[in-house]
Amino acid sequence: MQLSELLSPERVVCDLEVPSKKRALEQVSDLLSHTQTGVTTIDIYNSLLARERLGGTGVGHGIAIPHGRLQKTQQTLGAFIRLKQGIDFDAIDHQPVDLIFALIVPEEATHEHLQTLALLAKIFNDAQVRTKLRAATTAADLRQQLLDAAASH
């Protein structure tokens, strides 16, 4: 699956202000639920939170990739937010997180889930990509930077 297919323009937000990890998860859950029929913000939030309880998804360098599985969805969906200010996200390097890519996948889509997580890890491991994402001035620019990074990785 192409990143452009799972990350629609309306699910990218630039310079969001949230005070906590819980509030960030609520925000991405809301973004992910808007285009889904039969899936609520609470369903998505509970899925993301359940995964967080297994181990934090703050992967370092100010990045978090919360992800979860849902029975009620038939397609993989992503949402990306850049926070105005970093927050504690229980990251592996203990640094504040300001770039959050949330992912919801159908419960049976194990292979696709792992492939997408691997692609995101490659993208966010690139210091130049992180710099470009932090320098973007609009949500459209953020999305384009992600799509360009996915095409080159």
Protein backbone atom coordinates (compact mmCIF):
# COMPACT_ATOMS: atom_id res chain seq x y z
CA MET A 1 0.00 0.00 0.00
CA GLN A 2 1.21 3.48 -0.88
CA LEU A 3 1.51 6.06 1.87
CA SER A 4 -0.64 8.41 -0.22
CA GLU A 5 -3.50 5.88 0.00
CA LEU A 6 -3.54 5.70 3.77
CA LEU A 7 -2.74 9.33 4.59
CA SER A 8 -5.41 11.62 3.17
CA PRO A 9 -4.91 15.41 3.34
CA GLU A 10 -7.66 15.82 5.93
CA ARG A 11 -5.79 13.52 8.34
CA VAL A 12 -2.67 15.71 8.54
CA VAL A 13 -2.46 18.53 11.08
CA CYS A 14 0.31 21.08 11.54
CA ASP A 15 1.23 22.71 14.88
CA LEU A 16 -1.43 21.14 17.06
CA GLU A 17 -1.31 22.08 20.73
CA VAL A 18 -1.89 19.19 23.12
CA PRO A 19 -0.77 18.92 26.74
CA SER A 20 -0.33 15.15 27.01
CA LYS A 21 0.06 11.77 25.35
CA LYS A 22 -3.57 10.95 26.19
CA ARG A 23 -4.80 14.09 24.46
CA ALA A 24 -2.57 13.42 21.42
CA LEU A 25 -4.03 9.90 21.12
CA GLU A 26 -7.53 11.36 21.35
CA GLN A 27 -6.74 13.84 18.57
CA VAL A 28 -5.34 11.25 16.15
CA SER A 29 -8.23 8.91 16.98
CA ASP A 30 -10.64 11.68 16.03
CA LEU A 31 -8.80 12.32 12.76
CA LEU A 32 -8.86 8.61 11.89
CA SER A 33 -12.55 8.15 12.69
CA HIS A 34 -13.88 10.96 10.46
CA THR A 35 -13.68 8.99 7.24
CA GLN A 36 -14.76 5.64 8.67
CA THR A 37 -18.26 4.22 8.71
CA GLY A 38 -19.09 2.16 11.77
CA VAL A 39 -15.87 3.05 13.57
CA THR A 40 -15.91 5.57 16.38
CA THR A 41 -13.22 7.77 17.83
CA ILE A 42 -13.51 5.71 21.02
CA ASP A 43 -12.98 2.42 19.13
CA ILE A 44 -9.77 3.79 17.63
CA TYR A 45 -8.59 5.40 20.86
CA ASN A 46 -9.11 2.14 22.77
CA SER A 47 -7.13 0.23 20.13
CA LEU A 48 -4.24 2.71 20.25
CA LEU A 49 -4.29 2.78 24.05
CA ALA A 50 -4.28 -1.02 24.28
CA ARG A 51 -1.15 -1.09 22.12
CA GLU A 52 0.50 1.63 24.24
CA ARG A 53 -0.08 -0.50 27.34
CA LEU A 54 1.96 -3.30 25.75
CA GLY A 55 4.89 -0.93 25.28
CA GLY A 56 5.34 2.68 24.32
CA THR A 57 5.38 3.66 20.67
CA GLY A 58 7.72 6.63 21.11
CA VAL A 59 10.57 5.45 18.87
CA GLY A 60 13.07 8.24 19.56
CA HIS A 61 14.18 11.46 17.85
CA GLY A 62 10.86 13.10 18.80
CA ILE A 63 8.79 10.52 16.89
CA ALA A 64 5.89 8.33 17.99
CA ILE A 65 4.06 5.78 15.87
CA PRO A 66 0.98 4.71 17.82
CA HIS A 67 -0.77 1.88 16.03
CA GLY A 68 -3.56 -0.57 16.56
CA ARG A 69 -5.82 -3.15 14.99
CA LEU A 70 -9.57 -2.91 14.54
CA GLN A 71 -12.11 -5.57 13.61
CA LYS A 72 -14.52 -2.92 12.35
CA THR A 73 -12.30 -1.54 9.60
CA GLN A 74 -11.47 -2.93 6.18
CA GLN A 75 -8.64 -0.56 5.28
CA THR A 76 -5.41 0.70 6.75
CA LEU A 77 -5.54 4.36 7.71
CA GLY A 78 -2.95 6.83 8.89
CA ALA A 79 -2.99 10.24 10.51
CA PHE A 80 -0.05 12.55 11.08
CA ILE A 81 0.22 15.45 13.47
CA ARG A 82 3.08 17.77 14.20
CA LEU A 83 2.78 19.25 17.64
CA LYS A 84 3.57 22.86 18.33
CA GLN A 85 5.51 21.74 21.38
CA GLY A 86 6.91 18.31 22.26
CA ILE A 87 5.20 16.19 24.92
CA ASP A 88 6.18 13.24 27.08
CA PHE A 89 5.24 10.12 25.13
CA ASP A 90 7.28 7.56 27.08
CA ALA A 91 9.78 7.52 24.22
CA ILE A 92 12.63 5.06 24.21
CA ASP A 93 15.17 7.93 24.33
CA HIS A 94 13.11 9.86 26.93
CA GLN A 95 12.92 12.89 24.60
CA PRO A 96 9.71 14.88 24.01
CA VAL A 97 7.67 13.81 20.98
CA ASP A 98 6.46 16.37 18.43
CA LEU A 99 5.87 14.17 15.34
CA ILE A 100 3.13 11.55 15.63
CA PHE A 101 2.05 9.14 12.90
CA ALA A 102 -0.93 7.04 14.00
CA LEU A 103 -1.89 3.89 12.16
CA ILE A 104 -5.01 1.72 12.29
CA VAL A 105 -5.13 -1.58 10.40
CA PRO A 106 -7.76 -4.30 9.95
CA GLU A 107 -7.29 -7.03 12.53
CA GLU A 108 -6.27 -9.66 9.97
CA ALA A 109 -3.79 -7.44 8.04
CA THR A 110 -0.62 -8.56 9.86
CA HIS A 111 1.74 -8.50 6.87
CA GLU A 112 0.54 -5.09 5.66
CA HIS A 113 0.76 -3.74 9.21
CA LEU A 114 4.38 -4.81 9.57
CA GLN A 115 5.33 -3.50 6.12
CA THR A 116 3.81 -0.11 6.86
CA LEU A 117 5.52 0.11 10.25
CA ALA A 118 8.85 -0.79 8.62
CA LEU A 119 8.41 1.94 5.99
CA LEU A 120 7.54 4.51 8.67
CA ALA A 121 10.59 3.48 10.72
CA LYS A 122 12.83 4.01 7.67
CA ILE A 123 11.29 7.39 6.92
CA PHE A 124 11.56 8.68 10.47
CA ASN A 125 15.05 7.30 10.98
CA ASP A 126 16.28 9.80 8.35
CA ALA A 127 17.47 13.00 10.06
CA GLN A 128 16.90 15.05 6.89
CA VAL A 129 13.25 13.94 6.75
CA ARG A 130 12.73 14.87 10.40
CA THR A 131 14.26 18.29 9.76
CA LYS A 132 12.01 18.88 6.73
CA LEU A 133 8.92 17.82 8.67
CA ARG A 134 9.78 20.22 11.48
CA ALA A 135 10.38 23.03 8.99
CA ALA A 136 7.11 22.54 7.07
CA THR A 137 4.71 25.47 7.36
CA THR A 138 1.40 23.85 6.38
CA ALA A 139 -0.39 20.52 6.69
CA ALA A 140 -0.17 20.14 2.89
CA ASP A 141 3.59 20.62 3.06
CA LEU A 142 3.86 18.09 5.89
CA ARG A 143 1.96 15.51 3.87
CA GLN A 144 4.06 16.16 0.77
CA GLN A 145 7.29 15.78 2.74
CA LEU A 146 6.07 12.41 4.01
CA LEU A 147 5.04 11.26 0.53
CA ASP A 148 8.38 12.35 -0.93
CA ALA A 149 10.23 10.53 1.84
CA ALA A 150 8.20 7.37 1.27
CA ALA A 151 8.97 7.49 -2.47
CA SER A 152 12.70 7.68 -1.80
CA HIS A 153 12.86 4.95 0.87
